[in-house]
Structures are given as structure tokens and as C-alpha cells.
Amino acid sequence: MKILMVCLGNICRSPLAEGILTAKIAELGLDHLVDSAGTSGWHVGSRPHEGSIKIASEHGIDISHQKSRQFTTSDYEDFDLILAMDSENYKDIMKLAANEAQKKKVKLMLNYAHPGKNMAVPDPYYTGNFKEVYNLLEIACANLVTEVRMD
């Protein structure tokens, strides 16, 4: 399975989600690929935000090698599951979908932690609370791994 994490700039939330899920997949020896992207192109080529790098490192995860990229329509063909960090990113991704099959690939990340609540992962670029974001993503990724493992 190929999973894509998507936020606005691809420097805070989605790189952190990519790192957490990649670590969980590696721990279980699963054969899944995880990547991340942003709906905007503001930070293309940039490393993750220092706050995301630091909180990931505190949990034994290295995301410093990641580079920001923008979500493209080809991601619909390349990925089986596309996870948006909030409803605005969800809407932006859905606008680019060409058909129902592509739309079915898109889900909100925190629905794996709080099913059906359509909650947003707060953007630490604005809040500065990288620990809260890590904790939310850790729970969602743990539940996601359980689900994809059972598929």
C-alpha cells in the first residue's frame, strides 16, 4: 500500500505524519510506502520545520532528510490512500480529483483517531504546539497501521 500525507506547506504536519507512520510500518515489517506533500507550493524543496524535526527526533524518528513538494494530480495514480490534515486541505485535494475512484482515496487523518468527527490536525506553524500535533498524529498513525495491517 502507498500512503500520502498532505497538509498546506508540507513542512510541519505531513512530514511529521510521514515520519511517524514510516517508523510504525518499519517496526512491523510491513511493505508499505509513505510520502508527504503540500497543497501549496510555498515551501517546495525545503526541509521540514525545525519544530517538527525536533519533536520527531525526541521520539527517535529522523525526518530531517525530507523535502517539501506540492501535491499533483499524478498523486492520485501513485497512491492508494491520501490523508489530509484538515478540511481545507481535504477540499483542495478533492478539487483536483478527476473521478469518484480518486475521491474515495482521500480521507481526513484524524478520523483514524476520532472516527467520523472530521477533526483538523492543528497547524503548529501557527500554534507552535508541535508536541500536541505529534501526540495526535501518533494515535492516528497507530490506528491506521492496525487498519491497513488487517486489510
N, C-alpha and C. Protein backbone atom coordinates (compact mmCIF):
# COMPACT_ATOMS: atom_id res chain seq x y z
N MET A 1 0.85 -1.18 0.00
CA MET A 1 0.00 0.00 0.00
C MET A 1 0.89 1.24 0.00
N LYS A 2 0.45 2.25 -0.73
CA LYS A 2 1.15 3.53 -0.78
C LYS A 2 0.26 4.60 -0.18
N ILE A 3 0.79 5.32 0.81
CA ILE A 3 0.02 6.30 1.58
C ILE A 3 0.68 7.67 1.47
N LEU A 4 -0.13 8.69 1.20
CA LEU A 4 0.36 10.06 1.09
C LEU A 4 -0.27 10.93 2.16
N MET A 5 0.56 11.62 2.93
CA MET A 5 0.11 12.57 3.94
C MET A 5 0.15 13.97 3.33
N VAL A 6 -0.92 14.76 3.52
CA VAL A 6 -0.97 16.08 2.88
C VAL A 6 -1.41 17.16 3.87
N CYS A 7 -0.63 18.25 3.92
CA CYS A 7 -1.01 19.44 4.67
C CYS A 7 -0.84 20.64 3.75
N LEU A 8 -0.78 21.82 4.28
CA LEU A 8 -0.70 23.03 3.45
C LEU A 8 0.69 23.22 2.84
N GLY A 9 1.70 23.33 3.67
CA GLY A 9 3.04 23.65 3.15
C GLY A 9 4.00 22.50 3.09
N ASN A 10 3.62 21.35 3.64
CA ASN A 10 4.46 20.16 3.67
C ASN A 10 5.77 20.40 4.42
N ILE A 11 5.67 21.19 5.52
CA ILE A 11 6.86 21.38 6.36
C ILE A 11 6.60 21.06 7.84
N CYS A 12 5.36 20.97 8.26
CA CYS A 12 5.06 20.72 9.68
C CYS A 12 4.32 19.40 9.89
N ARG A 13 3.04 19.38 9.57
CA ARG A 13 2.19 18.24 9.90
C ARG A 13 2.44 17.02 9.04
N SER A 14 2.40 17.17 7.73
CA SER A 14 2.52 15.98 6.87
C SER A 14 3.90 15.33 6.94
N PRO A 15 5.01 16.09 7.05
CA PRO A 15 6.30 15.40 7.22
C PRO A 15 6.37 14.61 8.54
N LEU A 16 5.77 15.19 9.58
CA LEU A 16 5.74 14.51 10.87
C LEU A 16 4.90 13.23 10.77
N ALA A 17 3.73 13.33 10.12
CA ALA A 17 2.88 12.15 9.93
C ALA A 17 3.60 11.09 9.10
N GLU A 18 4.31 11.53 8.06
CA GLU A 18 5.08 10.60 7.23
C GLU A 18 6.11 9.87 8.08
N GLY A 19 6.84 10.62 8.89
CA GLY A 19 7.87 10.01 9.73
C GLY A 19 7.32 9.04 10.75
N ILE A 20 6.24 9.41 11.41
CA ILE A 20 5.62 8.55 12.42
C ILE A 20 5.11 7.26 11.78
N LEU A 21 4.38 7.40 10.68
CA LEU A 21 3.82 6.21 10.03
C LEU A 21 4.92 5.32 9.45
N THR A 22 5.93 5.93 8.86
CA THR A 22 7.06 5.15 8.32
C THR A 22 7.72 4.33 9.43
N ALA A 23 7.92 4.94 10.59
CA ALA A 23 8.53 4.24 11.73
C ALA A 23 7.65 3.07 12.18
N LYS A 24 6.35 3.29 12.27
CA LYS A 24 5.44 2.23 12.70
C LYS A 24 5.42 1.07 11.70
N ILE A 25 5.44 1.40 10.43
CA ILE A 25 5.44 0.38 9.39
C ILE A 25 6.73 -0.44 9.45
N ALA A 26 7.85 0.26 9.66
CA ALA A 26 9.14 -0.43 9.76
C ALA A 26 9.18 -1.36 10.97
N GLU A 27 8.64 -0.92 12.10
CA GLU A 27 8.60 -1.74 13.32
C GLU A 27 7.86 -3.05 13.08
N LEU A 28 6.82 -2.99 12.26
CA LEU A 28 6.00 -4.17 12.00
C LEU A 28 6.47 -4.97 10.78
N GLY A 29 7.47 -4.46 10.07
CA GLY A 29 7.99 -5.16 8.90
C GLY A 29 7.01 -5.19 7.74
N LEU A 30 6.13 -4.18 7.67
CA LEU A 30 5.15 -4.12 6.59
C LEU A 30 5.78 -3.53 5.33
N ASP A 31 5.21 -3.88 4.20
CA ASP A 31 5.72 -3.42 2.92
C ASP A 31 4.82 -2.31 2.38
N HIS A 32 4.85 -1.17 3.05
CA HIS A 32 4.07 0.00 2.63
C HIS A 32 5.02 1.17 2.39
N LEU A 33 4.62 2.05 1.49
CA LEU A 33 5.39 3.25 1.19
C LEU A 33 4.61 4.45 1.72
N VAL A 34 5.29 5.38 2.36
CA VAL A 34 4.67 6.59 2.88
C VAL A 34 5.42 7.79 2.33
N ASP A 35 4.68 8.82 1.92
CA ASP A 35 5.27 10.05 1.42
C ASP A 35 4.40 11.20 1.94
N SER A 36 4.82 12.43 1.66
CA SER A 36 4.02 13.58 2.06
C SER A 36 4.12 14.67 1.01
N ALA A 37 3.14 15.57 1.03
CA ALA A 37 3.08 16.68 0.08
C ALA A 37 2.27 17.80 0.70
N GLY A 38 2.31 18.96 0.05
CA GLY A 38 1.52 20.11 0.49
C GLY A 38 0.60 20.56 -0.62
N THR A 39 -0.52 21.14 -0.25
CA THR A 39 -1.44 21.66 -1.27
C THR A 39 -0.92 22.96 -1.87
N SER A 40 -0.02 23.64 -1.16
CA SER A 40 0.58 24.87 -1.70
C SER A 40 2.01 24.56 -2.13
N GLY A 41 2.58 25.43 -2.92
CA GLY A 41 3.95 25.28 -3.36
C GLY A 41 4.91 26.22 -2.65
N TRP A 42 4.47 26.81 -1.55
CA TRP A 42 5.25 27.83 -0.86
C TRP A 42 6.62 27.36 -0.40
N HIS A 43 6.74 26.12 0.01
CA HIS A 43 7.99 25.64 0.62
C HIS A 43 8.65 24.52 -0.19
N VAL A 44 8.33 24.38 -1.47
CA VAL A 44 8.87 23.30 -2.29
C VAL A 44 10.39 23.27 -2.17
N GLY A 45 10.91 22.08 -1.87
CA GLY A 45 12.35 21.88 -1.74
C GLY A 45 12.90 22.13 -0.35
N SER A 46 12.07 22.67 0.56
CA SER A 46 12.53 22.97 1.91
C SER A 46 12.48 21.74 2.81
N ARG A 47 13.34 21.75 3.82
CA ARG A 47 13.30 20.73 4.86
C ARG A 47 12.08 20.98 5.75
N PRO A 48 11.70 19.97 6.54
CA PRO A 48 10.62 20.21 7.50
C PRO A 48 10.99 21.32 8.49
N HIS A 49 9.98 21.91 9.08
CA HIS A 49 10.15 22.93 10.10
C HIS A 49 11.00 22.36 11.25
N GLU A 50 11.86 23.19 11.83
CA GLU A 50 12.72 22.74 12.93
C GLU A 50 11.92 22.15 14.09
N GLY A 51 10.73 22.69 14.34
CA GLY A 51 9.88 22.14 15.41
C GLY A 51 9.45 20.72 15.15
N SER A 52 9.13 20.41 13.89
CA SER A 52 8.75 19.04 13.52
C SER A 52 9.96 18.11 13.59
N ILE A 53 11.09 18.59 13.11
CA ILE A 53 12.32 17.78 13.17
C ILE A 53 12.65 17.47 14.63
N LYS A 54 12.55 18.46 15.51
CA LYS A 54 12.92 18.30 16.92
C LYS A 54 11.99 17.33 17.63
N ILE A 55 10.68 17.48 17.48
CA ILE A 55 9.75 16.59 18.19
C ILE A 55 9.86 15.16 17.66
N ALA A 56 10.08 15.01 16.37
CA ALA A 56 10.27 13.66 15.81
C ALA A 56 11.54 13.03 16.39
N SER A 57 12.60 13.80 16.43
CA SER A 57 13.88 13.32 16.96
C SER A 57 13.76 12.90 18.42
N GLU A 58 12.97 13.64 19.20
CA GLU A 58 12.75 13.29 20.61
C GLU A 58 12.09 11.92 20.76
N HIS A 59 11.45 11.46 19.68
CA HIS A 59 10.79 10.14 19.68
C HIS A 59 11.55 9.13 18.81
N GLY A 60 12.80 9.44 18.50
CA GLY A 60 13.64 8.51 17.76
C GLY A 60 13.36 8.43 16.27
N ILE A 61 12.75 9.47 15.72
CA ILE A 61 12.40 9.49 14.30
C ILE A 61 13.15 10.63 13.61
N ASP A 62 13.85 10.32 12.53
CA ASP A 62 14.60 11.32 11.78
C ASP A 62 13.83 11.71 10.52
N ILE A 63 13.34 12.96 10.47
CA ILE A 63 12.64 13.44 9.28
C ILE A 63 13.43 14.56 8.60
N SER A 64 14.65 14.79 9.04
CA SER A 64 15.44 15.92 8.54
C SER A 64 15.80 15.79 7.06
N HIS A 65 15.75 14.60 6.52
CA HIS A 65 16.08 14.37 5.11
C HIS A 65 14.92 14.68 4.15
N GLN A 66 13.72 14.82 4.68
CA GLN A 66 12.55 15.05 3.83
C GLN A 66 12.63 16.42 3.15
N LYS A 67 12.03 16.51 1.98
CA LYS A 67 11.95 17.77 1.23
C LYS A 67 10.49 18.02 0.84
N SER A 68 10.06 19.24 1.03
CA SER A 68 8.69 19.62 0.70
C SER A 68 8.44 19.52 -0.80
N ARG A 69 7.25 19.06 -1.14
CA ARG A 69 6.80 19.04 -2.53
C ARG A 69 5.32 19.35 -2.56
N GLN A 70 4.85 19.75 -3.74
CA GLN A 70 3.44 20.09 -3.88
C GLN A 70 2.65 18.89 -4.39
N PHE A 71 1.44 18.73 -3.87
CA PHE A 71 0.52 17.69 -4.33
C PHE A 71 0.22 17.91 -5.80
N THR A 72 0.19 16.83 -6.58
CA THR A 72 -0.15 16.91 -8.00
C THR A 72 -1.22 15.87 -8.33
N THR A 73 -1.86 16.04 -9.46
CA THR A 73 -2.89 15.07 -9.86
C THR A 73 -2.32 13.67 -10.06
N SER A 74 -1.04 13.55 -10.38
CA SER A 74 -0.44 12.22 -10.55
C SER A 74 -0.38 11.46 -9.23
N ASP A 75 -0.48 12.18 -8.10
CA ASP A 75 -0.51 11.50 -6.81
C ASP A 75 -1.72 10.59 -6.69
N TYR A 76 -2.80 10.90 -7.39
CA TYR A 76 -3.97 10.03 -7.37
C TYR A 76 -3.66 8.66 -7.97
N GLU A 77 -2.78 8.65 -8.96
CA GLU A 77 -2.41 7.38 -9.59
C GLU A 77 -1.34 6.65 -8.78
N ASP A 78 -0.49 7.41 -8.10
CA ASP A 78 0.65 6.83 -7.39
C ASP A 78 0.34 6.31 -5.99
N PHE A 79 -0.77 6.77 -5.40
CA PHE A 79 -1.07 6.41 -4.01
C PHE A 79 -2.44 5.76 -3.87
N ASP A 80 -2.52 4.85 -2.90
CA ASP A 80 -3.77 4.14 -2.61
C ASP A 80 -4.63 4.89 -1.60
N LEU A 81 -3.98 5.65 -0.72
CA LEU A 81 -4.67 6.37 0.35
C LEU A 81 -4.02 7.75 0.49
N ILE A 82 -4.84 8.79 0.49
CA ILE A 82 -4.36 10.17 0.61
C ILE A 82 -5.01 10.77 1.85
N LEU A 83 -4.19 11.17 2.81
CA LEU A 83 -4.70 11.63 4.10
C LEU A 83 -4.46 13.13 4.27
N ALA A 84 -5.54 13.88 4.36
CA ALA A 84 -5.48 15.33 4.54
C ALA A 84 -5.45 15.65 6.03
N MET A 85 -4.69 16.69 6.39
CA MET A 85 -4.55 17.07 7.79
C MET A 85 -5.71 17.93 8.30
N ASP A 86 -6.44 18.57 7.39
CA ASP A 86 -7.59 19.39 7.80
C ASP A 86 -8.57 19.51 6.65
N SER A 87 -9.73 20.11 6.92
CA SER A 87 -10.80 20.17 5.91
C SER A 87 -10.45 21.05 4.72
N GLU A 88 -9.65 22.09 4.92
CA GLU A 88 -9.25 22.94 3.78
C GLU A 88 -8.35 22.17 2.83
N ASN A 89 -7.39 21.44 3.38
CA ASN A 89 -6.54 20.61 2.53
C ASN A 89 -7.36 19.53 1.85
N TYR A 90 -8.30 18.95 2.57
CA TYR A 90 -9.20 17.94 2.01
C TYR A 90 -9.93 18.51 0.79
N LYS A 91 -10.51 19.69 0.95
CA LYS A 91 -11.24 20.32 -0.15
C LYS A 91 -10.33 20.61 -1.34
N ASP A 92 -9.13 21.10 -1.07
CA ASP A 92 -8.18 21.41 -2.15
C ASP A 92 -7.77 20.15 -2.91
N ILE A 93 -7.58 19.06 -2.19
CA ILE A 93 -7.23 17.79 -2.84
C ILE A 93 -8.41 17.28 -3.67
N MET A 94 -9.60 17.35 -3.10
CA MET A 94 -10.79 16.85 -3.78
C MET A 94 -11.09 17.63 -5.07
N LYS A 95 -10.77 18.91 -5.10
CA LYS A 95 -10.98 19.72 -6.31
C LYS A 95 -10.19 19.19 -7.50
N LEU A 96 -9.08 18.53 -7.21
CA LEU A 96 -8.21 18.02 -8.27
C LEU A 96 -8.56 16.60 -8.72
N ALA A 97 -9.49 15.97 -8.00
CA ALA A 97 -9.88 14.60 -8.35
C ALA A 97 -10.65 14.58 -9.66
N ALA A 98 -10.30 13.61 -10.50
CA ALA A 98 -10.93 13.50 -11.83
C ALA A 98 -12.15 12.59 -11.83
N ASN A 99 -12.28 11.75 -10.78
CA ASN A 99 -13.39 10.80 -10.76
C ASN A 99 -13.67 10.33 -9.34
N GLU A 100 -14.70 9.52 -9.20
CA GLU A 100 -15.11 9.03 -7.88
C GLU A 100 -14.07 8.11 -7.27
N ALA A 101 -13.39 7.32 -8.08
CA ALA A 101 -12.37 6.41 -7.56
C ALA A 101 -11.25 7.20 -6.89
N GLN A 102 -10.88 8.31 -7.48
CA GLN A 102 -9.84 9.15 -6.88
C GLN A 102 -10.36 9.80 -5.60
N LYS A 103 -11.58 10.27 -5.61
CA LYS A 103 -12.16 10.91 -4.42
C LYS A 103 -12.22 9.93 -3.24
N LYS A 104 -12.47 8.65 -3.51
CA LYS A 104 -12.57 7.65 -2.44
C LYS A 104 -11.23 7.41 -1.74
N LYS A 105 -10.14 7.79 -2.37
CA LYS A 105 -8.81 7.62 -1.78
C LYS A 105 -8.52 8.66 -0.70
N VAL A 106 -9.27 9.76 -0.67
CA VAL A 106 -8.97 10.89 0.20
C VAL A 106 -9.76 10.80 1.50
N LYS A 107 -9.04 10.91 2.62
CA LYS A 107 -9.66 10.85 3.94
C LYS A 107 -9.00 11.89 4.84
N LEU A 108 -9.67 12.22 5.94
CA LEU A 108 -9.09 13.11 6.94
C LEU A 108 -8.28 12.28 7.94
N MET A 109 -7.08 12.72 8.21
CA MET A 109 -6.15 11.98 9.06
C MET A 109 -6.71 11.66 10.43
N LEU A 110 -7.28 12.65 11.11
CA LEU A 110 -7.71 12.42 12.49
C LEU A 110 -8.97 11.57 12.62
N ASN A 111 -9.59 11.21 11.49
CA ASN A 111 -10.68 10.25 11.58
C ASN A 111 -10.17 8.87 11.98
N TYR A 112 -8.85 8.67 11.90
CA TYR A 112 -8.26 7.43 12.39
C TYR A 112 -8.08 7.46 13.90
N ALA A 113 -8.14 8.64 14.50
CA ALA A 113 -8.07 8.77 15.96
C ALA A 113 -9.45 9.03 16.55
N HIS A 114 -10.25 9.78 15.82
CA HIS A 114 -11.60 10.16 16.27
C HIS A 114 -12.57 9.93 15.11
N PRO A 115 -12.98 8.67 14.90
CA PRO A 115 -13.80 8.33 13.73
C PRO A 115 -15.05 9.20 13.58
N GLY A 116 -15.23 9.69 12.35
CA GLY A 116 -16.42 10.45 11.99
C GLY A 116 -16.48 11.87 12.51
N LYS A 117 -15.48 12.32 13.25
CA LYS A 117 -15.53 13.68 13.83
C LYS A 117 -14.97 14.74 12.91
N ASN A 118 -14.25 14.34 11.86
CA ASN A 118 -13.69 15.27 10.88
C ASN A 118 -12.88 16.39 11.52
N MET A 119 -12.08 16.03 12.52
CA MET A 119 -11.25 17.00 13.23
C MET A 119 -10.00 17.35 12.42
N ALA A 120 -9.51 18.55 12.66
CA ALA A 120 -8.28 19.01 11.99
C ALA A 120 -7.07 18.76 12.89
N VAL A 121 -5.96 18.43 12.26
CA VAL A 121 -4.68 18.45 12.97
C VAL A 121 -4.28 19.92 13.04
N PRO A 122 -4.16 20.49 14.24
CA PRO A 122 -3.80 21.91 14.33
C PRO A 122 -2.46 22.17 13.67
N ASP A 123 -2.32 23.31 13.03
CA ASP A 123 -1.08 23.63 12.33
C ASP A 123 -0.08 24.27 13.29
N PRO A 124 0.99 23.55 13.65
CA PRO A 124 1.95 24.10 14.60
C PRO A 124 2.78 25.25 14.03
N TYR A 125 2.70 25.46 12.72
CA TYR A 125 3.36 26.62 12.12
C TYR A 125 2.80 27.89 12.75
N TYR A 126 1.49 27.83 13.09
CA TYR A 126 0.82 28.98 13.70
C TYR A 126 0.70 28.85 15.22
N THR A 127 0.48 27.61 15.71
CA THR A 127 0.26 27.43 17.15
C THR A 127 1.56 27.23 17.93
N GLY A 128 2.58 26.69 17.26
CA GLY A 128 3.84 26.39 17.94
C GLY A 128 3.79 25.13 18.79
N ASN A 129 2.64 24.44 18.83
CA ASN A 129 2.48 23.28 19.69
C ASN A 129 2.78 21.98 18.93
N PHE A 130 4.05 21.72 18.72
CA PHE A 130 4.47 20.53 17.98
C PHE A 130 4.22 19.25 18.79
N LYS A 131 4.28 19.35 20.12
CA LYS A 131 4.04 18.18 20.96
C LYS A 131 2.59 17.70 20.81
N GLU A 132 1.64 18.64 20.83
CA GLU A 132 0.23 18.27 20.64
C GLU A 132 0.03 17.59 19.30
N VAL A 133 0.63 18.16 18.26
CA VAL A 133 0.49 17.60 16.91
C VAL A 133 1.10 16.21 16.84
N TYR A 134 2.27 16.05 17.43
CA TYR A 134 2.90 14.72 17.45
C TYR A 134 1.97 13.71 18.12
N ASN A 135 1.44 14.06 19.28
CA ASN A 135 0.58 13.13 20.01
C ASN A 135 -0.67 12.75 19.23
N LEU A 136 -1.30 13.72 18.58
CA LEU A 136 -2.48 13.44 17.76
C LEU A 136 -2.13 12.51 16.59
N LEU A 137 -1.03 12.82 15.92
CA LEU A 137 -0.62 12.02 14.76
C LEU A 137 -0.18 10.62 15.18
N GLU A 138 0.44 10.50 16.34
CA GLU A 138 0.89 9.20 16.82
C GLU A 138 -0.29 8.26 17.02
N ILE A 139 -1.35 8.77 17.62
CA ILE A 139 -2.56 7.96 17.83
C ILE A 139 -3.20 7.59 16.50
N ALA A 140 -3.35 8.57 15.61
CA ALA A 140 -3.95 8.30 14.30
C ALA A 140 -3.13 7.30 13.50
N CYS A 141 -1.81 7.44 13.52
CA CYS A 141 -0.95 6.52 12.78
C CYS A 141 -1.00 5.11 13.37
N ALA A 142 -1.07 5.00 14.69
CA ALA A 142 -1.18 3.68 15.32
C ALA A 142 -2.47 2.98 14.87
N ASN A 143 -3.56 3.72 14.85
CA ASN A 143 -4.83 3.15 14.41
C ASN A 143 -4.82 2.83 12.92
N LEU A 144 -4.20 3.69 12.14
CA LEU A 144 -4.09 3.47 10.70
C LEU A 144 -3.30 2.20 10.40
N VAL A 145 -2.18 2.02 11.08
CA VAL A 145 -1.36 0.83 10.87
C VAL A 145 -2.15 -0.42 11.20
N THR A 146 -2.92 -0.39 12.25
CA THR A 146 -3.75 -1.54 12.62
C THR A 146 -4.74 -1.84 11.50
N GLU A 147 -5.36 -0.79 10.96
CA GLU A 147 -6.35 -0.98 9.90
C GLU A 147 -5.72 -1.51 8.61
N VAL A 148 -4.62 -0.92 8.17
CA VAL A 148 -4.03 -1.36 6.90
C VAL A 148 -3.39 -2.75 7.05
N ARG A 149 -2.99 -3.08 8.25
CA ARG A 149 -2.40 -4.39 8.51
C ARG A 149 -3.47 -5.48 8.38
N MET A 150 -4.70 -5.13 8.72
CA MET A 150 -5.79 -6.10 8.68
C MET A 150 -6.36 -6.24 7.27
N ASP A 151 -6.10 -5.28 6.39
CA ASP A 151 -6.64 -5.34 5.02
C ASP A 151 -5.98 -6.43 4.20
